[in-house]
């Protein structure tokens, strides 16, 4: 599902216009991004938590040349799913 399809789905479920739903999605993305930039975590109860994590610098290897390279430390976004989301997905998991 892409952003346009998500907006359409939200519009149908919430009885909003597609443009209103897309505006709401854009506002959510901007709010989460700004909170992560400020070092805050964003928790949506029943869905999950978005947070920024520090990734330490490390030594890597160029796969084409085999040359050793230094990879700089960085801050990366992370998502930890909530229990309700995990439970919803486990109901659809294939059984052996």
PDB file of N, CA and C in Angstrom:
ATOM      1  N   UNK A   1       0.852  -1.170   0.000  1.00  0.00           N
ATOM      2  CA  UNK A   1       0.000   0.000   0.000  1.00  0.00           C
ATOM      3  C   UNK A   1       0.897   1.232   0.000  1.00  0.00           C
ATOM      4  N   UNK A   2       0.639   2.143  -0.914  1.00  0.00           N
ATOM      5  CA  UNK A   2       1.403   3.384  -0.944  1.00  0.00           C
ATOM      6  C   UNK A   2       0.612   4.500  -0.254  1.00  0.00           C
ATOM      7  N   UNK A   3       1.190   5.694  -0.226  1.00  0.00           N
ATOM      8  CA  UNK A   3       0.581   6.815   0.497  1.00  0.00           C
ATOM      9  C   UNK A   3      -0.792   7.176  -0.073  1.00  0.00           C
ATOM     10  N   UNK A   4      -0.923   7.161  -1.379  1.00  0.00           N
ATOM     11  CA  UNK A   4      -2.195   7.495  -2.020  1.00  0.00           C
ATOM     12  C   UNK A   4      -3.282   6.476  -1.662  1.00  0.00           C
ATOM     13  N   UNK A   5      -2.907   5.196  -1.682  1.00  0.00           N
ATOM     14  CA  UNK A   5      -3.868   4.148  -1.321  1.00  0.00           C
ATOM     15  C   UNK A   5      -4.238   4.237   0.153  1.00  0.00           C
ATOM     16  N   UNK A   6      -3.264   4.572   0.999  1.00  0.00           N
ATOM     17  CA  UNK A   6      -3.543   4.755   2.424  1.00  0.00           C
ATOM     18  C   UNK A   6      -4.517   5.908   2.632  1.00  0.00           C
ATOM     19  N   UNK A   7      -4.317   7.012   1.934  1.00  0.00           N
ATOM     20  CA  UNK A   7      -5.216   8.163   2.044  1.00  0.00           C
ATOM     21  C   UNK A   7      -6.625   7.785   1.612  1.00  0.00           C
ATOM     22  N   UNK A   8      -6.726   7.009   0.552  1.00  0.00           N
ATOM     23  CA  UNK A   8      -8.035   6.573   0.072  1.00  0.00           C
ATOM     24  C   UNK A   8      -8.729   5.674   1.103  1.00  0.00           C
ATOM     25  N   UNK A   9      -7.975   4.757   1.695  1.00  0.00           N
ATOM     26  CA  UNK A   9      -8.527   3.869   2.713  1.00  0.00           C
ATOM     27  C   UNK A   9      -9.005   4.655   3.939  1.00  0.00           C
ATOM     28  N   UNK A  10      -8.194   5.609   4.369  1.00  0.00           N
ATOM     29  CA  UNK A  10      -8.567   6.438   5.525  1.00  0.00           C
ATOM     30  C   UNK A  10      -9.792   7.276   5.199  1.00  0.00           C
ATOM     31  N   UNK A  11      -9.848   7.819   3.980  1.00  0.00           N
ATOM     32  CA  UNK A  11     -10.994   8.631   3.570  1.00  0.00           C
ATOM     33  C   UNK A  11     -12.290   7.826   3.641  1.00  0.00           C
ATOM     34  N   UNK A  12     -12.245   6.593   3.169  1.00  0.00           N
ATOM     35  CA  UNK A  12     -13.441   5.740   3.181  1.00  0.00           C
ATOM     36  C   UNK A  12     -13.851   5.399   4.617  1.00  0.00           C
ATOM     37  N   UNK A  13     -12.870   5.013   5.446  1.00  0.00           N
ATOM     38  CA  UNK A  13     -13.177   4.582   6.809  1.00  0.00           C
ATOM     39  C   UNK A  13     -13.618   5.727   7.713  1.00  0.00           C
ATOM     40  N   UNK A  14     -13.112   6.936   7.460  1.00  0.00           N
ATOM     41  CA  UNK A  14     -13.415   8.049   8.356  1.00  0.00           C
ATOM     42  C   UNK A  14     -14.410   9.046   7.770  1.00  0.00           C
ATOM     43  N   UNK A  15     -14.884   8.777   6.572  1.00  0.00           N
ATOM     44  CA  UNK A  15     -15.826   9.636   5.868  1.00  0.00           C
ATOM     45  C   UNK A  15     -15.273  11.049   5.669  1.00  0.00           C
ATOM     46  N   UNK A  16     -13.977  11.118   5.379  1.00  0.00           N
ATOM     47  CA  UNK A  16     -13.331  12.374   5.022  1.00  0.00           C
ATOM     48  C   UNK A  16     -13.109  12.373   3.517  1.00  0.00           C
ATOM     49  N   UNK A  17     -12.808  13.544   2.967  1.00  0.00           N
ATOM     50  CA  UNK A  17     -12.426  13.568   1.559  1.00  0.00           C
ATOM     51  C   UNK A  17     -11.005  13.017   1.457  1.00  0.00           C
ATOM     52  N   UNK A  18     -10.630  12.603   0.263  1.00  0.00           N
ATOM     53  CA  UNK A  18      -9.294  12.051   0.066  1.00  0.00           C
ATOM     54  C   UNK A  18      -8.230  13.107   0.362  1.00  0.00           C
ATOM     55  N   UNK A  19      -8.497  14.353  -0.002  1.00  0.00           N
ATOM     56  CA  UNK A  19      -7.514  15.415   0.254  1.00  0.00           C
ATOM     57  C   UNK A  19      -7.384  15.695   1.752  1.00  0.00           C
ATOM     58  N   UNK A  20      -8.482  15.599   2.498  1.00  0.00           N
ATOM     59  CA  UNK A  20      -8.410  15.777   3.954  1.00  0.00           C
ATOM     60  C   UNK A  20      -7.623  14.632   4.589  1.00  0.00           C
ATOM     61  N   UNK A  21      -7.847  13.429   4.113  1.00  0.00           N
ATOM     62  CA  UNK A  21      -7.121  12.272   4.636  1.00  0.00           C
ATOM     63  C   UNK A  21      -5.637  12.398   4.325  1.00  0.00           C
ATOM     64  N   UNK A  22      -5.304  12.850   3.122  1.00  0.00           N
ATOM     65  CA  UNK A  22      -3.901  13.021   2.757  1.00  0.00           C
ATOM     66  C   UNK A  22      -3.251  14.120   3.597  1.00  0.00           C
ATOM     67  N   UNK A  23      -3.994  15.174   3.891  1.00  0.00           N
ATOM     68  CA  UNK A  23      -3.479  16.239   4.756  1.00  0.00           C
ATOM     69  C   UNK A  23      -3.215  15.708   6.166  1.00  0.00           C
ATOM     70  N   UNK A  24      -4.085  14.851   6.655  1.00  0.00           N
ATOM     71  CA  UNK A  24      -3.904  14.256   7.984  1.00  0.00           C
ATOM     72  C   UNK A  24      -2.663  13.362   8.006  1.00  0.00           C
ATOM     73  N   UNK A  25      -2.456  12.596   6.955  1.00  0.00           N
ATOM     74  CA  UNK A  25      -1.267  11.737   6.872  1.00  0.00           C
ATOM     75  C   UNK A  25      -0.005  12.593   6.848  1.00  0.00           C
ATOM     76  N   UNK A  26      -0.015  13.658   6.040  1.00  0.00           N
ATOM     77  CA  UNK A  26       1.138  14.550   5.965  1.00  0.00           C
ATOM     78  C   UNK A  26       1.429  15.198   7.318  1.00  0.00           C
ATOM     79  N   UNK A  27       0.371  15.588   8.038  1.00  0.00           N
ATOM     80  CA  UNK A  27       0.539  16.192   9.363  1.00  0.00           C
ATOM     81  C   UNK A  27       1.123  15.176  10.341  1.00  0.00           C
ATOM     82  N   UNK A  28       0.680  13.929  10.270  1.00  0.00           N
ATOM     83  CA  UNK A  28       1.207  12.876  11.139  1.00  0.00           C
ATOM     84  C   UNK A  28       2.690  12.662  10.859  1.00  0.00           C
ATOM     85  N   UNK A  29       3.043  12.541   9.598  1.00  0.00           N
ATOM     86  CA  UNK A  29       4.443  12.324   9.225  1.00  0.00           C
ATOM     87  C   UNK A  29       5.307  13.485   9.701  1.00  0.00           C
ATOM     88  N   UNK A  30       4.852  14.710   9.474  1.00  0.00           N
ATOM     89  CA  UNK A  30       5.617  15.891   9.887  1.00  0.00           C
ATOM     90  C   UNK A  30       5.756  15.947  11.410  1.00  0.00           C
ATOM     91  N   UNK A  31       4.698  15.632  12.140  1.00  0.00           N
ATOM     92  CA  UNK A  31       4.738  15.654  13.603  1.00  0.00           C
ATOM     93  C   UNK A  31       5.682  14.605  14.161  1.00  0.00           C
ATOM     94  N   UNK A  32       5.636  13.407  13.615  1.00  0.00           N
ATOM     95  CA  UNK A  32       6.526  12.334  14.070  1.00  0.00           C
ATOM     96  C   UNK A  32       7.973  12.699  13.746  1.00  0.00           C
ATOM     97  N   UNK A  33       8.214  13.200  12.542  1.00  0.00           N
ATOM     98  CA  UNK A  33       9.568  13.594  12.136  1.00  0.00           C
ATOM     99  C   UNK A  33      10.116  14.673  13.060  1.00  0.00           C
ATOM    100  N   UNK A  34       9.307  15.688  13.356  1.00  0.00           N
ATOM    101  CA  UNK A  34       9.762  16.782  14.217  1.00  0.00           C
ATOM    102  C   UNK A  34      10.055  16.280  15.626  1.00  0.00           C
ATOM    103  N   UNK A  35       9.208  15.401  16.151  1.00  0.00           N
ATOM    104  CA  UNK A  35       9.432  14.853  17.488  1.00  0.00           C
ATOM    105  C   UNK A  35      10.728  14.048  17.535  1.00  0.00           C
ATOM    106  N   UNK A  36      10.980  13.241  16.517  1.00  0.00           N
ATOM    107  CA  UNK A  36      12.214  12.454  16.469  1.00  0.00           C
ATOM    108  C   UNK A  36      13.439  13.355  16.370  1.00  0.00           C
ATOM    109  N   UNK A  37      13.338  14.439  15.587  1.00  0.00           N
ATOM    110  CA  UNK A  37      14.437  15.401  15.494  1.00  0.00           C
ATOM    111  C   UNK A  37      14.739  16.023  16.857  1.00  0.00           C
ATOM    112  N   UNK A  38      13.693  16.206  17.672  1.00  0.00           N
ATOM    113  CA  UNK A  38      13.847  16.805  18.998  1.00  0.00           C
ATOM    114  C   UNK A  38      14.249  15.783  20.056  1.00  0.00           C
ATOM    115  N   UNK A  39      14.476  14.538  19.641  1.00  0.00           N
ATOM    116  CA  UNK A  39      14.897  13.504  20.576  1.00  0.00           C
ATOM    117  C   UNK A  39      13.770  12.878  21.370  1.00  0.00           C
ATOM    118  N   UNK A  40      12.543  13.102  20.955  1.00  0.00           N
ATOM    119  CA  UNK A  40      11.378  12.543  21.646  1.00  0.00           C
ATOM    120  C   UNK A  40      10.923  11.257  20.957  1.00  0.00           C
ATOM    121  N   UNK A  41      10.329  10.368  21.731  1.00  0.00           N
ATOM    122  CA  UNK A  41       9.700   9.173  21.171  1.00  0.00           C
ATOM    123  C   UNK A  41       8.221   9.488  20.958  1.00  0.00           C
ATOM    124  N   UNK A  42       7.611   8.851  19.976  1.00  0.00           N
ATOM    125  CA  UNK A  42       6.180   9.030  19.707  1.00  0.00           C
ATOM    126  C   UNK A  42       5.513   7.679  19.882  1.00  0.00           C
ATOM    127  N   UNK A  43       4.612   7.587  20.858  1.00  0.00           N
ATOM    128  CA  UNK A  43       3.916   6.341  21.139  1.00  0.00           C
ATOM    129  C   UNK A  43       2.451   6.473  20.740  1.00  0.00           C
ATOM    130  N   UNK A  44       1.996   5.554  19.918  1.00  0.00           N
ATOM    131  CA  UNK A  44       0.588   5.477  19.539  1.00  0.00           C
ATOM    132  C   UNK A  44       0.075   4.184  20.160  1.00  0.00           C
ATOM    133  N   UNK A  45      -0.696   4.333  21.219  1.00  0.00           N
ATOM    134  CA  UNK A  45      -1.169   3.193  21.988  1.00  0.00           C
ATOM    135  C   UNK A  45      -1.869   2.175  21.090  1.00  0.00           C
ATOM    136  N   UNK A  46      -1.456   0.934  21.188  1.00  0.00           N
ATOM    137  CA  UNK A  46      -2.036  -0.139  20.395  1.00  0.00           C
ATOM    138  C   UNK A  46      -1.384  -0.305  19.031  1.00  0.00           C
ATOM    139  N   UNK A  47      -0.566   0.662  18.625  1.00  0.00           N
ATOM    140  CA  UNK A  47       0.101   0.583  17.325  1.00  0.00           C
ATOM    141  C   UNK A  47       1.603   0.394  17.483  1.00  0.00           C
ATOM    142  N   UNK A  48       2.251   1.321  18.190  1.00  0.00           N
ATOM    143  CA  UNK A  48       3.677   1.166  18.403  1.00  0.00           C
ATOM    144  C   UNK A  48       4.361   2.464  18.762  1.00  0.00           C
ATOM    145  N   UNK A  49       5.688   2.413  18.826  1.00  0.00           N
ATOM    146  CA  UNK A  49       6.493   3.555  19.223  1.00  0.00           C
ATOM    147  C   UNK A  49       7.551   3.843  18.173  1.00  0.00           C
ATOM    148  N   UNK A  50       7.625   5.101  17.768  1.00  0.00           N
ATOM    149  CA  UNK A  50       8.678   5.583  16.882  1.00  0.00           C
ATOM    150  C   UNK A  50       9.725   6.238  17.765  1.00  0.00           C
ATOM    151  N   UNK A  51      11.002   5.972  17.507  1.00  0.00           N
ATOM    152  CA  UNK A  51      12.056   6.606  18.280  1.00  0.00           C
ATOM    153  C   UNK A  51      13.298   6.756  17.411  1.00  0.00           C
ATOM    154  N   UNK A  52      14.191   7.648  17.848  1.00  0.00           N
ATOM    155  CA  UNK A  52      15.469   7.832  17.174  1.00  0.00           C
ATOM    156  C   UNK A  52      16.511   7.081  17.989  1.00  0.00           C
ATOM    157  N   UNK A  53      17.321   6.274  17.310  1.00  0.00           N
ATOM    158  CA  UNK A  53      18.359   5.501  17.996  1.00  0.00           C
ATOM    159  C   UNK A  53      19.723   5.907  17.465  1.00  0.00           C
ATOM    160  N   UNK A  54      20.690   5.918  18.369  1.00  0.00           N
ATOM    161  CA  UNK A  54      22.069   6.212  17.979  1.00  0.00           C
ATOM    162  C   UNK A  54      22.706   4.947  17.433  1.00  0.00           C
ATOM    163  N   UNK A  55      23.326   5.060  16.278  1.00  0.00           N
ATOM    164  CA  UNK A  55      24.063   3.948  15.691  1.00  0.00           C
ATOM    165  C   UNK A  55      25.541   4.312  15.758  1.00  0.00           C
ATOM    166  N   UNK A  56      26.308   3.493  16.427  1.00  0.00           N
ATOM    167  CA  UNK A  56      27.736   3.758  16.614  1.00  0.00           C
ATOM    168  C   UNK A  56      28.482   3.662  15.286  1.00  0.00           C
ATOM    169  N   UNK A  57      29.583   4.378  15.209  1.00  0.00           N
ATOM    170  CA  UNK A  57      30.446   4.266  14.039  1.00  0.00           C
ATOM    171  C   UNK A  57      31.063   2.869  14.006  1.00  0.00           C
ATOM    172  N   UNK A  58      31.420   2.415  12.820  1.00  0.00           N
ATOM    173  CA  UNK A  58      31.969   1.068  12.709  1.00  0.00           C
ATOM    174  C   UNK A  58      32.831   0.959  11.471  1.00  0.00           C
ATOM    175  N   UNK A  59      33.566  -0.114  11.395  1.00  0.00           N
ATOM    176  CA  UNK A  59      34.388  -0.391  10.234  1.00  0.00           C
ATOM    177  C   UNK A  59      33.615  -1.316   9.309  1.00  0.00           C
ATOM    178  N   UNK A  60      33.556  -0.956   8.044  1.00  0.00           N
ATOM    179  CA  UNK A  60      32.861  -1.776   7.057  1.00  0.00           C
ATOM    180  C   UNK A  60      33.813  -2.166   5.947  1.00  0.00           C
ATOM    181  N   UNK A  61      33.264  -2.813   4.949  1.00  0.00           N
ATOM    182  CA  UNK A  61      34.087  -3.268   3.836  1.00  0.00           C
ATOM    183  C   UNK A  61      33.344  -2.978   2.530  1.00  0.00           C
ATOM    184  N   UNK A  62      34.041  -2.383   1.582  1.00  0.00           N
ATOM    185  CA  UNK A  62      33.477  -2.144   0.265  1.00  0.00           C
ATOM    186  C   UNK A  62      33.349  -3.502  -0.424  1.00  0.00           C
ATOM    187  N   UNK A  63      32.124  -3.929  -0.784  1.00  0.00           N
ATOM    188  CA  UNK A  63      31.953  -5.268  -1.360  1.00  0.00           C
ATOM    189  C   UNK A  63      32.599  -5.434  -2.740  1.00  0.00           C
ATOM    190  N   UNK A  64      32.793  -4.334  -3.469  1.00  0.00           N
ATOM    191  CA  UNK A  64      33.392  -4.451  -4.803  1.00  0.00           C
ATOM    192  C   UNK A  64      34.906  -4.596  -4.742  1.00  0.00           C
ATOM    193  N   UNK A  65      35.531  -3.824  -3.846  1.00  0.00           N
ATOM    194  CA  UNK A  65      36.993  -3.825  -3.814  1.00  0.00           C
ATOM    195  C   UNK A  65      37.575  -4.568  -2.621  1.00  0.00           C
ATOM    196  N   UNK A  66      36.748  -4.807  -1.597  1.00  0.00           N
ATOM    197  CA  UNK A  66      37.239  -5.450  -0.388  1.00  0.00           C
ATOM    198  C   UNK A  66      37.961  -4.473   0.526  1.00  0.00           C
ATOM    199  N   UNK A  67      38.036  -3.206   0.128  1.00  0.00           N
ATOM    200  CA  UNK A  67      38.717  -2.184   0.897  1.00  0.00           C
ATOM    201  C   UNK A  67      37.968  -1.889   2.197  1.00  0.00           C
ATOM    202  N   UNK A  68      38.698  -1.691   3.295  1.00  0.00           N
ATOM    203  CA  UNK A  68      38.107  -1.345   4.584  1.00  0.00           C
ATOM    204  C   UNK A  68      37.742   0.134   4.589  1.00  0.00           C
ATOM    205  N   UNK A  69      36.527   0.448   5.065  1.00  0.00           N
ATOM    206  CA  UNK A  69      36.080   1.838   5.150  1.00  0.00           C
ATOM    207  C   UNK A  69      35.507   2.098   6.531  1.00  0.00           C
ATOM    208  N   UNK A  70      35.553   3.346   6.944  1.00  0.00           N
ATOM    209  CA  UNK A  70      34.962   3.744   8.217  1.00  0.00           C
ATOM    210  C   UNK A  70      33.557   4.279   7.957  1.00  0.00           C
ATOM    211  N   UNK A  71      32.589   3.745   8.685  1.00  0.00           N
ATOM    212  CA  UNK A  71      31.212   4.193   8.573  1.00  0.00           C
ATOM    213  C   UNK A  71      30.945   5.083   9.784  1.00  0.00           C
ATOM    214  N   UNK A  72      30.524   6.315   9.540  1.00  0.00           N
ATOM    215  CA  UNK A  72      30.329   7.297  10.604  1.00  0.00           C
ATOM    216  C   UNK A  72      29.137   6.931  11.489  1.00  0.00           C
ATOM    217  N   UNK A  73      29.192   7.385  12.730  1.00  0.00           N
ATOM    218  CA  UNK A  73      28.055   7.231  13.641  1.00  0.00           C
ATOM    219  C   UNK A  73      26.881   8.031  13.085  1.00  0.00           C
ATOM    220  N   UNK A  74      25.654   7.589  13.386  1.00  0.00           N
ATOM    221  CA  UNK A  74      24.478   8.286  12.879  1.00  0.00           C
ATOM    222  C   UNK A  74      23.299   8.067  13.815  1.00  0.00           C
ATOM    223  N   UNK A  75      22.265   8.833  13.571  1.00  0.00           N
ATOM    224  CA  UNK A  75      21.010   8.667  14.295  1.00  0.00           C
ATOM    225  C   UNK A  75      20.006   8.127  13.283  1.00  0.00           C
ATOM    226  N   UNK A  76      19.342   7.015  13.626  1.00  0.00           N
ATOM    227  CA  UNK A  76      18.422   6.371  12.691  1.00  0.00           C
ATOM    228  C   UNK A  76      17.034   6.236  13.326  1.00  0.00           C
ATOM    229  N   UNK A  77      15.979   6.330  12.510  1.00  0.00           N
ATOM    230  CA  UNK A  77      14.633   6.123  13.048  1.00  0.00           C
ATOM    231  C   UNK A  77      14.387   4.637  13.287  1.00  0.00           C
ATOM    232  N   UNK A  78      13.581   4.346  14.303  1.00  0.00           N
ATOM    233  CA  UNK A  78      13.240   2.954  14.603  1.00  0.00           C
ATOM    234  C   UNK A  78      11.770   2.890  14.987  1.00  0.00           C
ATOM    235  N   UNK A  79      11.163   1.746  14.750  1.00  0.00           N
ATOM    236  CA  UNK A  79       9.765   1.523  15.109  1.00  0.00           C
ATOM    237  C   UNK A  79       9.673   0.232  15.897  1.00  0.00           C
ATOM    238  N   UNK A  80       9.014   0.296  17.046  1.00  0.00           N
ATOM    239  CA  UNK A  80       8.778  -0.896  17.852  1.00  0.00           C
ATOM    240  C   UNK A  80       7.268  -1.117  17.887  1.00  0.00           C
ATOM    241  N   UNK A  81       6.785  -2.201  17.285  1.00  0.00           N
ATOM    242  CA  UNK A  81       5.339  -2.428  17.245  1.00  0.00           C
ATOM    243  C   UNK A  81       4.764  -2.687  18.632  1.00  0.00           C
ATOM    244  N   UNK A  82       3.527  -2.229  18.815  1.00  0.00           N
ATOM    245  CA  UNK A  82       2.821  -2.454  20.069  1.00  0.00           C
ATOM    246  C   UNK A  82       2.196  -3.841  20.109  1.00  0.00           C
ATOM    247  N   UNK A  83       1.753  -4.229  21.294  1.00  0.00           N
ATOM    248  CA  UNK A  83       1.179  -5.556  21.494  1.00  0.00           C
ATOM    249  C   UNK A  83      -0.047  -5.791  20.615  1.00  0.00           C
ATOM    250  N   UNK A  84      -0.926  -4.810  20.509  1.00  0.00           N
ATOM    251  CA  UNK A  84      -2.141  -4.983  19.711  1.00  0.00           C
ATOM    252  C   UNK A  84      -1.808  -5.229  18.243  1.00  0.00           C
ATOM    253  N   UNK A  85      -0.818  -4.523  17.719  1.00  0.00           N
ATOM    254  CA  UNK A  85      -0.409  -4.724  16.329  1.00  0.00           C
ATOM    255  C   UNK A  85       0.208  -6.105  16.142  1.00  0.00           C
ATOM    256  N   UNK A  86       1.073  -6.512  17.076  1.00  0.00           N
ATOM    257  CA  UNK A  86       1.675  -7.850  16.993  1.00  0.00           C
ATOM    258  C   UNK A  86       0.611  -8.934  17.052  1.00  0.00           C
ATOM    259  N   UNK A  87      -0.341  -8.755  17.969  1.00  0.00           N
ATOM    260  CA  UNK A  87      -1.413  -9.747  18.106  1.00  0.00           C
ATOM    261  C   UNK A  87      -2.271  -9.818  16.846  1.00  0.00           C
ATOM    262  N   UNK A  88      -2.558  -8.669  16.235  1.00  0.00           N
ATOM    263  CA  UNK A  88      -3.372  -8.653  15.017  1.00  0.00           C
ATOM    264  C   UNK A  88      -2.661  -9.400  13.890  1.00  0.00           C
ATOM    265  N   UNK A  89      -1.342  -9.234  13.806  1.00  0.00           N
ATOM    266  CA  UNK A  89      -0.597  -9.908  12.742  1.00  0.00           C
ATOM    267  C   UNK A  89      -0.432 -11.397  13.026  1.00  0.00           C
ATOM    268  N   UNK A  90      -0.321 -11.768  14.295  1.00  0.00           N
ATOM    269  CA  UNK A  90      -0.123 -13.178  14.612  1.00  0.00           C
ATOM    270  C   UNK A  90      -1.381 -13.997  14.318  1.00  0.00           C
ATOM    271  N   UNK A  91      -2.531 -13.341  14.280  1.00  0.00           N
ATOM    272  CA  UNK A  91      -3.771 -14.059  13.933  1.00  0.00           C
ATOM    273  C   UNK A  91      -3.752 -14.497  12.468  1.00  0.00           C
ATOM    274  N   UNK A  92      -3.001 -13.753  11.641  1.00  0.00           N
ATOM    275  CA  UNK A  92      -2.932 -14.062  10.201  1.00  0.00           C
ATOM    276  C   UNK A  92      -1.700 -14.855   9.829  1.00  0.00           C
ATOM    277  N   UNK A  93      -0.895 -15.213  10.804  1.00  0.00           N
ATOM    278  CA  UNK A  93       0.355 -15.929  10.516  1.00  0.00           C
ATOM    279  C   UNK A  93       0.044 -17.346  10.046  1.00  0.00           C
ATOM    280  N   UNK A  94       0.778 -17.800   9.025  1.00  0.00           N
ATOM    281  CA  UNK A  94       0.555 -19.169   8.549  1.00  0.00           C
ATOM    282  C   UNK A  94       0.999 -20.172   9.617  1.00  0.00           C
ATOM    283  N   UNK A  95       0.252 -21.235   9.745  1.00  0.00           N
ATOM    284  CA  UNK A  95       0.601 -22.285  10.710  1.00  0.00           C
ATOM    285  C   UNK A  95       1.259 -23.427   9.978  1.00  0.00           C
ATOM    286  N   UNK A  96       2.087 -24.148  10.695  1.00  0.00           N
ATOM    287  CA  UNK A  96       2.807 -25.287  10.090  1.00  0.00           C
ATOM    288  C   UNK A  96       2.061 -26.568  10.275  1.00  0.00           C
TER     289      UNK A  96
END
